[in-house]
Amino acid sequence: MAAFHRGLSETGYVEGQNLAIEYRSAEGRDDRLPVLAADLVRRKVDLIVTTSIPSALAAKSATLTIPIVFEIGVDPVEFGLVTSFARPGGNLTGVSLMNVELMPKRFELLPSWFPRPG
C-alpha cells in the first residue's frame, strides 16, 4: 500500500486531500466479493482497483461503466476479463505478470543473457 500511495502522490493525488479511497476486503471469502463490488457501484466510485481474478470478475459483473484496473498473475484473456491484450474492450484494463505462461520464453532467452564462455 505504501508504494501505491507513493505512486499516487507522485502524480498529484493525496488521500484525504484530493482523493478518497474506499477500502474493501473479503477476508479470504470470495463469496463476499459480489456484495462488496455492488457496494462500490452503489457509492458511485470513480475507479475500482482489484488484485485477484475473483475480485476482478466480481467487479466486472457489478458494472459496465466504472473503470476497473486489475493486477493479476495470469492471462486476463483466458479468464474472460478482457477481449484481447491489444484491445481489452469494455471497462477493464490492468497488469498481468503471467509468470507461469512466460517462464518457457524466459528460459529460451537465458543464453542471450549469459553467453557461454569461449
Protein backbone atom coordinates (compact mmCIF):
# COMPACT_ATOMS: atom_id res chain seq x y z
CA MET A 1 0.00 0.00 0.00
CA ALA A 2 2.89 2.36 0.69
CA ALA A 3 4.08 2.07 -2.92
CA PHE A 4 0.51 2.61 -4.16
CA HIS A 5 0.19 5.80 -2.08
CA ARG A 6 3.65 6.95 -3.15
CA GLY A 7 2.75 6.46 -6.81
CA LEU A 8 -0.49 8.38 -6.36
CA SER A 9 1.28 11.27 -4.65
CA GLU A 10 3.87 11.41 -7.44
CA THR A 11 1.00 12.13 -9.82
CA GLY A 12 -0.59 14.72 -7.53
CA TYR A 13 -3.15 12.59 -5.66
CA VAL A 14 -3.05 12.56 -1.87
CA GLU A 15 -5.56 10.58 0.17
CA GLY A 16 -7.57 12.92 2.41
CA GLN A 17 -6.66 15.99 0.36
CA ASN A 18 -7.89 15.46 -3.20
CA LEU A 19 -8.59 11.73 -3.13
CA ALA A 20 -10.82 9.39 -1.12
CA ILE A 21 -10.11 5.67 -1.15
CA GLU A 22 -12.82 3.16 -0.21
CA TYR A 23 -11.03 0.03 1.01
CA ARG A 24 -12.78 -3.35 0.92
CA SER A 25 -11.65 -6.84 1.90
CA ALA A 26 -13.49 -10.12 1.58
CA GLU A 27 -11.15 -11.52 4.24
CA GLY A 28 -10.43 -14.59 2.14
CA ARG A 29 -14.10 -15.30 1.44
CA ASP A 30 -14.59 -14.94 -2.31
CA ASP A 31 -18.36 -15.45 -1.91
CA ARG A 32 -18.47 -11.94 -0.36
CA LEU A 33 -16.88 -10.25 -3.39
CA PRO A 34 -20.08 -9.63 -5.40
CA VAL A 35 -21.66 -7.81 -2.43
CA LEU A 36 -18.54 -5.71 -1.91
CA ALA A 37 -18.34 -4.83 -5.61
CA ALA A 38 -22.04 -3.92 -5.69
CA ASP A 39 -21.50 -1.64 -2.69
CA LEU A 40 -18.74 0.23 -4.54
CA VAL A 41 -21.00 0.62 -7.56
CA ARG A 42 -23.82 1.99 -5.34
CA ARG A 43 -21.37 4.51 -3.90
CA LYS A 44 -20.60 5.66 -7.46
CA VAL A 45 -16.83 5.41 -7.09
CA ASP A 46 -14.71 6.72 -9.97
CA LEU A 47 -12.44 3.66 -10.22
CA ILE A 48 -12.20 0.11 -8.88
CA VAL A 49 -8.77 -1.47 -8.33
CA THR A 50 -8.54 -5.24 -7.83
CA THR A 51 -5.70 -7.64 -7.09
CA SER A 52 -7.14 -11.05 -7.85
CA ILE A 53 -9.11 -12.87 -10.54
CA PRO A 54 -12.16 -13.39 -8.28
CA SER A 55 -12.30 -9.72 -7.27
CA ALA A 56 -11.84 -8.56 -10.87
CA LEU A 57 -14.61 -10.88 -12.05
CA ALA A 58 -16.93 -9.67 -9.26
CA ALA A 59 -16.24 -6.05 -10.22
CA LYS A 60 -16.79 -6.82 -13.90
CA SER A 61 -20.15 -8.39 -13.10
CA ALA A 62 -21.15 -5.40 -10.98
CA THR A 63 -20.57 -2.63 -13.55
CA LEU A 64 -20.13 -1.98 -17.23
CA THR A 65 -19.28 1.71 -16.78
CA ILE A 66 -16.92 2.25 -13.82
CA PRO A 67 -13.30 1.72 -14.91
CA ILE A 68 -11.69 -1.35 -13.32
CA VAL A 69 -7.92 -1.78 -13.05
CA PHE A 70 -6.56 -5.20 -12.14
CA GLU A 71 -3.17 -6.58 -11.13
CA ILE A 72 -3.05 -10.34 -11.55
CA GLY A 73 -0.59 -13.12 -12.26
CA VAL A 74 -2.42 -14.94 -15.05
CA ASP A 75 -3.72 -14.36 -18.57
CA PRO A 76 -6.70 -11.95 -18.32
CA VAL A 77 -7.98 -13.05 -21.75
CA GLU A 78 -8.14 -16.68 -20.64
CA PHE A 79 -10.22 -15.73 -17.60
CA GLY A 80 -12.60 -13.51 -19.56
CA LEU A 81 -11.57 -10.19 -18.06
CA VAL A 82 -10.62 -8.62 -21.39
CA THR A 83 -11.19 -9.47 -25.04
CA SER A 84 -7.52 -9.27 -26.05
CA PHE A 85 -4.23 -7.71 -24.99
CA ALA A 86 -4.20 -5.30 -27.93
CA ARG A 87 -7.80 -4.21 -27.46
CA PRO A 88 -9.06 -5.06 -23.99
CA GLY A 89 -12.51 -3.57 -24.67
CA GLY A 90 -15.08 -2.81 -22.02
CA ASN A 91 -14.18 -1.05 -18.81
CA LEU A 92 -11.30 -3.27 -17.63
CA THR A 93 -7.57 -2.87 -18.03
CA GLY A 94 -4.59 -3.77 -15.95
CA VAL A 95 -1.32 -5.54 -15.43
CA SER A 96 -0.76 -9.26 -15.77
CA LEU A 97 2.53 -10.75 -14.66
CA MET A 98 1.79 -14.09 -16.38
CA ASN A 99 4.72 -15.77 -14.64
CA VAL A 100 3.75 -19.34 -15.50
CA GLU A 101 2.99 -18.64 -19.15
CA LEU A 102 6.19 -16.67 -19.73
CA MET A 103 8.62 -19.00 -17.96
CA PRO A 104 9.42 -21.14 -21.08
CA LYS A 105 10.22 -17.96 -23.04
CA ARG A 106 12.45 -16.71 -20.24
CA PHE A 107 14.41 -19.97 -20.35
CA GLU A 108 14.82 -19.57 -24.12
CA LEU A 109 16.32 -16.12 -23.53
CA LEU A 110 18.82 -17.25 -20.89
CA PRO A 111 21.64 -17.98 -23.37
CA SER A 112 21.47 -14.39 -24.65
CA TRP A 113 21.75 -13.05 -21.12
CA PHE A 114 24.58 -15.35 -20.10
CA PRO A 115 26.67 -16.27 -23.16
CA ARG A 116 28.78 -19.39 -22.93
CA PRO A 117 32.48 -18.74 -22.46
CA GLY A 118 34.81 -19.30 -25.37
